[in-house]
N, C-alpha and C. Protein backbone atom coordinates (compact mmCIF):
# COMPACT_ATOMS: atom_id res chain seq x y z
N MET A 1 104.54 96.09 122.67
CA MET A 1 103.71 97.23 121.70
C MET A 1 103.62 98.50 122.54
N THR A 2 103.69 99.84 121.67
CA THR A 2 103.96 101.08 122.21
C THR A 2 102.34 101.44 122.03
N GLU A 3 102.29 102.61 123.17
CA GLU A 3 100.97 103.28 123.10
C GLU A 3 100.79 104.33 121.99
N PRO A 4 99.86 104.58 121.24
CA PRO A 4 99.82 105.63 120.38
C PRO A 4 100.02 106.70 121.07
N THR A 5 100.62 107.92 120.30
CA THR A 5 100.57 109.31 121.09
C THR A 5 99.64 109.91 120.34
N GLU A 6 99.29 111.39 121.18
CA GLU A 6 98.28 112.38 120.76
C GLU A 6 98.59 112.97 119.24
N ASP A 7 99.63 112.90 118.68
CA ASP A 7 100.18 113.03 117.51
C ASP A 7 99.70 112.05 116.54
N SER A 8 99.78 110.81 116.93
CA SER A 8 99.65 110.03 115.58
C SER A 8 97.98 109.55 115.86
N THR A 9 97.32 109.48 117.07
CA THR A 9 95.93 109.34 117.19
C THR A 9 95.35 110.64 116.19
N GLY A 10 95.97 111.69 116.55
CA GLY A 10 95.12 112.83 115.50
C GLY A 10 95.53 112.81 114.45
N ALA A 11 96.49 112.14 113.55
CA ALA A 11 96.75 111.96 112.29
C ALA A 11 95.97 110.98 111.80
N LEU A 12 95.95 110.08 112.58
CA LEU A 12 94.94 108.59 112.32
C LEU A 12 93.36 109.15 112.10
N LYS A 13 92.85 110.07 112.95
CA LYS A 13 91.64 110.31 112.73
C LYS A 13 91.61 111.56 111.76
N ASP A 14 92.59 112.09 111.44
CA ASP A 14 92.67 112.91 110.07
C ASP A 14 92.41 112.17 108.85
N LEU A 15 93.17 111.01 108.67
CA LEU A 15 93.15 110.24 107.90
C LEU A 15 91.85 109.56 107.33
N THR A 16 91.48 109.13 108.59
CA THR A 16 90.12 108.24 108.60
C THR A 16 88.87 109.33 108.09
N GLY A 17 89.12 110.43 108.68
CA GLY A 17 88.00 111.67 108.36
C GLY A 17 88.30 111.88 106.78
N SER A 18 89.36 112.18 106.27
CA SER A 18 89.60 112.15 104.68
C SER A 18 88.84 111.07 103.83
N LEU A 19 89.40 109.75 104.30
CA LEU A 19 89.12 108.59 103.47
C LEU A 19 87.55 108.85 103.51
N ARG A 20 87.00 108.60 104.91
CA ARG A 20 85.42 108.77 104.72
C ARG A 20 84.87 109.75 103.98
N SER A 21 85.20 110.75 104.05
CA SER A 21 84.62 111.77 103.25
C SER A 21 84.98 111.52 101.73
N GLY A 22 85.97 111.06 101.30
CA GLY A 22 86.52 110.51 99.92
C GLY A 22 85.15 109.65 99.56
N TRP A 23 85.12 108.40 100.15
CA TRP A 23 84.13 107.50 100.29
C TRP A 23 82.73 107.81 99.89
N GLN A 24 82.41 108.93 100.88
CA GLN A 24 80.90 109.40 100.85
C GLN A 24 80.55 110.26 99.47
N ARG A 25 81.80 110.91 99.08
CA ARG A 25 81.58 111.62 97.94
C ARG A 25 81.36 110.75 96.76
N PHE A 26 82.25 109.61 96.52
CA PHE A 26 82.16 108.67 95.66
C PHE A 26 80.74 108.18 95.37
N LEU A 27 80.27 107.77 96.91
CA LEU A 27 78.82 107.21 96.95
C LEU A 27 77.90 108.24 96.27
N ALA A 28 78.19 109.61 96.71
CA ALA A 28 76.99 110.86 96.22
C ALA A 28 76.97 110.65 94.73
N VAL A 29 78.09 110.44 94.14
CA VAL A 29 77.93 110.86 92.87
C VAL A 29 77.57 109.39 92.20
N TYR A 30 78.23 108.28 92.17
CA TYR A 30 78.19 106.92 91.42
C TYR A 30 76.86 106.40 92.02
N GLU A 31 76.22 106.47 93.17
CA GLU A 31 75.29 105.54 93.64
C GLU A 31 74.05 105.79 92.52
N PRO A 32 73.74 106.96 92.48
CA PRO A 32 72.42 106.95 91.54
C PRO A 32 72.80 106.79 90.21
N LEU A 33 73.91 105.99 89.50
CA LEU A 33 74.02 105.48 88.32
C LEU A 33 73.92 103.88 88.89
N ARG A 34 73.77 103.21 89.91
CA ARG A 34 73.82 101.85 90.32
C ARG A 34 72.82 101.32 89.61
N PRO A 35 71.54 101.62 89.64
CA PRO A 35 70.47 101.16 88.93
C PRO A 35 70.74 100.89 87.67
N GLU A 36 70.77 101.60 86.71
CA GLU A 36 71.37 101.61 85.45
C GLU A 36 72.54 100.67 85.24
N LEU A 37 73.41 100.60 85.94
CA LEU A 37 74.73 99.46 85.99
C LEU A 37 74.03 98.47 86.25
N PHE A 38 73.28 98.18 86.97
CA PHE A 38 72.72 96.88 87.45
C PHE A 38 71.78 96.35 86.13
N ARG A 39 70.87 97.12 85.41
CA ARG A 39 70.18 96.87 84.41
C ARG A 39 71.15 96.40 83.36
N TYR A 40 72.19 97.11 83.10
CA TYR A 40 73.20 96.64 81.87
C TYR A 40 73.76 95.26 82.44
N CYS A 41 74.23 95.34 83.71
CA CYS A 41 74.83 93.81 83.93
C CYS A 41 74.04 92.88 83.89
N ARG A 42 72.65 92.85 83.92
CA ARG A 42 71.56 91.93 84.09
C ARG A 42 71.49 91.55 82.29
N TYR A 43 71.64 92.68 81.86
CA TYR A 43 71.26 92.25 80.27
C TYR A 43 72.69 91.51 79.89
N LEU A 44 73.91 91.81 80.29
CA LEU A 44 74.85 90.93 79.95
C LEU A 44 74.75 89.57 80.50
N THR A 45 74.57 89.58 81.70
CA THR A 45 74.56 87.96 82.41
C THR A 45 73.44 87.23 82.43
N ARG A 46 72.11 87.52 81.99
CA ARG A 46 71.02 87.10 82.02
C ARG A 46 70.67 86.40 83.46
N SER A 47 71.27 87.17 84.53
CA SER A 47 71.11 86.59 85.86
C SER A 47 70.96 87.71 87.12
N PRO A 48 69.94 87.80 87.83
CA PRO A 48 70.20 89.00 88.75
C PRO A 48 71.23 88.61 89.50
N TRP A 49 71.56 87.56 90.19
CA TRP A 49 72.48 87.35 91.07
C TRP A 49 74.02 87.50 90.40
N ASP A 50 74.32 87.13 89.28
CA ASP A 50 75.52 87.21 88.63
C ASP A 50 75.68 88.84 88.19
N ALA A 51 74.53 89.40 87.98
CA ALA A 51 74.54 90.83 87.77
C ALA A 51 74.88 91.93 88.77
N GLU A 52 74.37 91.27 90.06
CA GLU A 52 74.67 92.04 91.33
C GLU A 52 76.17 91.74 91.51
N ASP A 53 76.72 90.78 91.45
CA ASP A 53 77.95 90.60 91.64
C ASP A 53 79.18 91.28 90.85
N LEU A 54 78.43 91.43 89.39
CA LEU A 54 79.34 92.37 88.39
C LEU A 54 79.27 93.71 88.63
N ALA A 55 78.02 94.13 89.18
CA ALA A 55 77.67 95.53 89.45
C ALA A 55 78.67 96.01 90.84
N GLN A 56 78.83 95.13 91.76
CA GLN A 56 79.10 95.52 92.87
C GLN A 56 80.71 95.57 92.44
N ASP A 57 81.23 94.70 92.01
CA ASP A 57 82.65 94.50 91.36
C ASP A 57 82.99 95.95 90.66
N THR A 58 82.16 96.28 89.92
CA THR A 58 82.61 97.53 88.89
C THR A 58 82.58 98.42 90.01
N MET A 59 81.71 98.68 90.79
CA MET A 59 81.73 99.97 91.72
C MET A 59 82.97 99.93 92.37
N ALA A 60 83.42 98.57 93.14
CA ALA A 60 84.43 98.45 94.01
C ALA A 60 85.75 99.00 93.08
N ARG A 61 85.73 98.49 91.83
CA ARG A 61 87.28 99.02 91.10
C ARG A 61 86.97 100.25 90.50
N ALA A 62 85.96 101.06 90.46
CA ALA A 62 85.90 102.60 90.14
C ALA A 62 86.20 103.23 91.34
N GLY A 63 85.98 102.73 92.31
CA GLY A 63 86.52 103.76 93.67
C GLY A 63 88.01 103.48 93.90
N ASP A 64 88.49 102.29 93.58
CA ASP A 64 89.87 101.89 93.64
C ASP A 64 90.66 102.79 92.67
N VAL A 65 90.37 102.76 91.10
CA VAL A 65 90.52 103.72 90.27
C VAL A 65 90.66 105.16 90.69
N CYS A 66 89.47 105.48 91.09
CA CYS A 66 89.29 106.85 91.31
C CYS A 66 90.32 107.64 92.42
N ARG A 67 90.52 106.77 93.55
CA ARG A 67 91.52 106.79 94.46
C ARG A 67 93.07 106.93 94.10
N GLU A 68 93.49 105.80 93.27
CA GLU A 68 94.61 105.69 92.78
C GLU A 68 95.07 107.01 92.05
N LEU A 69 94.12 107.43 90.98
CA LEU A 69 94.43 108.28 90.17
C LEU A 69 93.90 109.51 90.74
N ASP A 70 93.34 109.93 91.75
CA ASP A 70 92.86 111.23 92.42
C ASP A 70 92.19 112.00 91.23
N VAL A 71 91.10 110.86 90.77
CA VAL A 71 90.29 111.79 89.77
C VAL A 71 89.26 112.42 90.14
N PRO A 72 88.66 113.58 89.75
CA PRO A 72 87.62 114.22 90.17
C PRO A 72 86.61 113.64 89.95
N PHE A 73 85.38 113.44 90.87
CA PHE A 73 84.25 112.50 90.44
C PHE A 73 83.64 113.23 89.44
N ARG A 74 83.12 112.24 88.34
CA ARG A 74 82.25 113.28 87.40
C ARG A 74 81.39 111.95 87.10
N THR A 75 80.09 112.47 86.57
CA THR A 75 79.02 111.41 86.24
C THR A 75 79.33 111.04 85.02
N ASN A 76 79.37 111.86 84.24
CA ASN A 76 79.27 111.68 82.59
C ASN A 76 80.72 111.09 82.18
N GLY A 77 81.53 110.65 82.67
CA GLY A 77 82.94 110.08 82.32
C GLY A 77 82.89 108.92 81.41
N TYR A 78 81.95 108.19 81.57
CA TYR A 78 81.59 106.87 81.02
C TYR A 78 80.92 107.29 79.29
N ARG A 79 80.44 108.31 79.35
CA ARG A 79 79.49 108.75 78.24
C ARG A 79 80.80 109.24 77.06
N ASN A 80 81.84 109.87 77.39
CA ASN A 80 82.73 110.23 76.63
C ASN A 80 83.82 108.99 75.94
N TRP A 81 83.56 107.83 76.22
CA TRP A 81 83.93 106.67 75.55
C TRP A 81 83.45 106.87 74.16
């Protein structure tokens, strides 16, 4: 196995920093919506445990979709449906 060079280490730090900042932006925008999402999931499932699982899965999928599509983070996107 080869040792990482300074260039590859710097690139890795840049990538890690950009991923971290993207995740922080996602959380800053969508985390305030989590209680409302949980209430809706609780209404659908009638179970707090299933609702928590569903809410977590929904947040994870939303993060993946936003990252794949490089969508700017908006809080009113679901209201436009």
